[in-house]
Structure formats: structure tokens, C-alpha cells
Amino acid sequence: MIKIRIDVDYAYASRPKSFVYTFLKRKPRKNYLANSKIIANMINETPCEVKAIWFFTPQTLPDKKC
């Protein structure tokens, strides 16, 4: 079994931008989970046994499609 821990900490590509926008309480752009969705699809399609644990912050909550 492969175990993967995935931290979805930043809603933006850069840490400084994520920090400033979080401080200003701005909502992330629409497609901020694009990379996480790609990883989720890869995990779901693998023939191997995989256990993935996702950790979100209040700024990076999963959307309805996840």
C-alpha cells in the first residue's frame, strides 16, 4: 500500500500572495484546486492500493466536485 499525505495549504501559487489574500479575507480564484484535482484523478485511476489523506485549511476547502 502506498500512503500519501496531501496538504492543500495555499489557495494561490505563491506563499506571499496566499498570505496577503488570506489576511485581507479575499476569496481564492475559481480554479484554485486544479492541481489537487489532477492528483485525485491520478490516485483514483491507479491500479495500486493507495491511501491518500487530504488536509485543507479554511481558505482551501474542497469544492462540490471533489
C-alpha atoms as a PDB file:
ATOM      1  CA  MET A   1       0.000   0.000   0.000  1.00  0.00           C
ATOM      2  CA  ILE A   2       1.153   3.486  -0.873  1.00  0.00           C
ATOM      3  CA  LYS A   3       0.291   6.199   1.673  1.00  0.00           C
ATOM      4  CA  ILE A   4       0.181   9.823   0.564  1.00  0.00           C
ATOM      5  CA  ARG A   5      -0.382  12.936   2.669  1.00  0.00           C
ATOM      6  CA  ILE A   6      -1.577  15.909   0.643  1.00  0.00           C
ATOM      7  CA  ASP A   7      -1.581  19.363   2.235  1.00  0.00           C
ATOM      8  CA  VAL A   8      -3.681  21.944   0.427  1.00  0.00           C
ATOM      9  CA  ASP A   9      -2.326  24.946   2.287  1.00  0.00           C
ATOM     10  CA  TYR A  10      -2.231  27.764  -0.206  1.00  0.00           C
ATOM     11  CA  ALA A  11      -5.033  28.975  -2.428  1.00  0.00           C
ATOM     12  CA  TYR A  12      -2.558  30.775  -4.689  1.00  0.00           C
ATOM     13  CA  ALA A  13       0.615  29.729  -6.463  1.00  0.00           C
ATOM     14  CA  SER A  14       2.896  31.793  -4.248  1.00  0.00           C
ATOM     15  CA  ARG A  15       3.028  31.774  -0.462  1.00  0.00           C
ATOM     16  CA  PRO A  16       3.309  35.562  -0.119  1.00  0.00           C
ATOM     17  CA  LYS A  17       0.242  36.098  -2.326  1.00  0.00           C
ATOM     18  CA  SER A  18      -1.698  33.468  -0.356  1.00  0.00           C
ATOM     19  CA  PHE A  19      -0.689  35.114   2.928  1.00  0.00           C
ATOM     20  CA  VAL A  20      -1.723  38.614   1.816  1.00  0.00           C
ATOM     21  CA  TYR A  21      -5.038  37.487   0.295  1.00  0.00           C
ATOM     22  CA  THR A  22      -5.847  35.370   3.351  1.00  0.00           C
ATOM     23  CA  PHE A  23      -5.049  38.326   5.618  1.00  0.00           C
ATOM     24  CA  LEU A  24      -7.338  40.536   3.512  1.00  0.00           C
ATOM     25  CA  LYS A  25     -10.016  37.776   3.538  1.00  0.00           C
ATOM     26  CA  ARG A  26     -10.187  37.646  -0.245  1.00  0.00           C
ATOM     27  CA  LYS A  27     -11.682  34.527  -1.762  1.00  0.00           C
ATOM     28  CA  PRO A  28      -9.432  32.388  -3.943  1.00  0.00           C
ATOM     29  CA  ARG A  29      -9.863  32.287  -7.692  1.00  0.00           C
ATOM     30  CA  LYS A  30     -12.304  29.741  -9.107  1.00  0.00           C
ATOM     31  CA  ASN A  31      -9.824  27.108 -10.217  1.00  0.00           C
ATOM     32  CA  TYR A  32      -7.504  27.037  -7.205  1.00  0.00           C
ATOM     33  CA  LEU A  33      -7.956  23.278  -6.752  1.00  0.00           C
ATOM     34  CA  ALA A  34      -6.888  22.383 -10.321  1.00  0.00           C
ATOM     35  CA  ASN A  35      -3.635  20.683  -9.269  1.00  0.00           C
ATOM     36  CA  SER A  36      -5.349  18.853  -6.398  1.00  0.00           C
ATOM     37  CA  LYS A  37      -7.999  17.530  -8.778  1.00  0.00           C
ATOM     38  CA  ILE A  38      -5.312  16.221 -11.142  1.00  0.00           C
ATOM     39  CA  ILE A  39      -3.649  14.395  -8.235  1.00  0.00           C
ATOM     40  CA  ALA A  40      -7.014  12.979  -7.093  1.00  0.00           C
ATOM     41  CA  ASN A  41      -7.726  11.641 -10.592  1.00  0.00           C
ATOM     42  CA  MET A  42      -4.276  10.042 -10.769  1.00  0.00           C
ATOM     43  CA  ILE A  43      -4.817   8.362  -7.394  1.00  0.00           C
ATOM     44  CA  ASN A  44      -8.281   7.127  -8.387  1.00  0.00           C
ATOM     45  CA  GLU A  45      -7.031   5.667 -11.681  1.00  0.00           C
ATOM     46  CA  THR A  46      -4.003   3.803 -10.337  1.00  0.00           C
ATOM     47  CA  PRO A  47      -4.249   0.017 -10.102  1.00  0.00           C
ATOM     48  CA  CYS A  48      -2.176   0.117  -6.892  1.00  0.00           C
ATOM     49  CA  GLU A  49      -3.674   0.260  -3.433  1.00  0.00           C
ATOM     50  CA  VAL A  50      -3.332   3.876  -2.330  1.00  0.00           C
ATOM     51  CA  LYS A  51      -4.435   5.635   0.840  1.00  0.00           C
ATOM     52  CA  ALA A  52      -4.471   9.409   0.405  1.00  0.00           C
ATOM     53  CA  ILE A  53      -5.151  11.771   3.286  1.00  0.00           C
ATOM     54  CA  TRP A  54      -6.098  15.336   2.368  1.00  0.00           C
ATOM     55  CA  PHE A  55      -5.547  18.256   4.737  1.00  0.00           C
ATOM     56  CA  PHE A  56      -7.316  21.514   3.921  1.00  0.00           C
ATOM     57  CA  THR A  57      -7.229  24.962   5.520  1.00  0.00           C
ATOM     58  CA  PRO A  58     -10.305  27.237   5.798  1.00  0.00           C
ATOM     59  CA  GLN A  59      -9.096  29.118   2.692  1.00  0.00           C
ATOM     60  CA  THR A  60      -8.698  25.946   0.627  1.00  0.00           C
ATOM     61  CA  LEU A  61     -11.860  23.984   1.327  1.00  0.00           C
ATOM     62  CA  PRO A  62     -12.767  21.364  -1.275  1.00  0.00           C
ATOM     63  CA  ASP A  63     -15.462  22.278  -3.772  1.00  0.00           C
ATOM     64  CA  LYS A  64     -18.579  20.227  -4.589  1.00  0.00           C
ATOM     65  CA  LYS A  65     -16.770  18.332  -7.376  1.00  0.00           C
ATOM     66  CA  CYS A  66     -14.088  16.910  -5.055  1.00  0.00           C
END
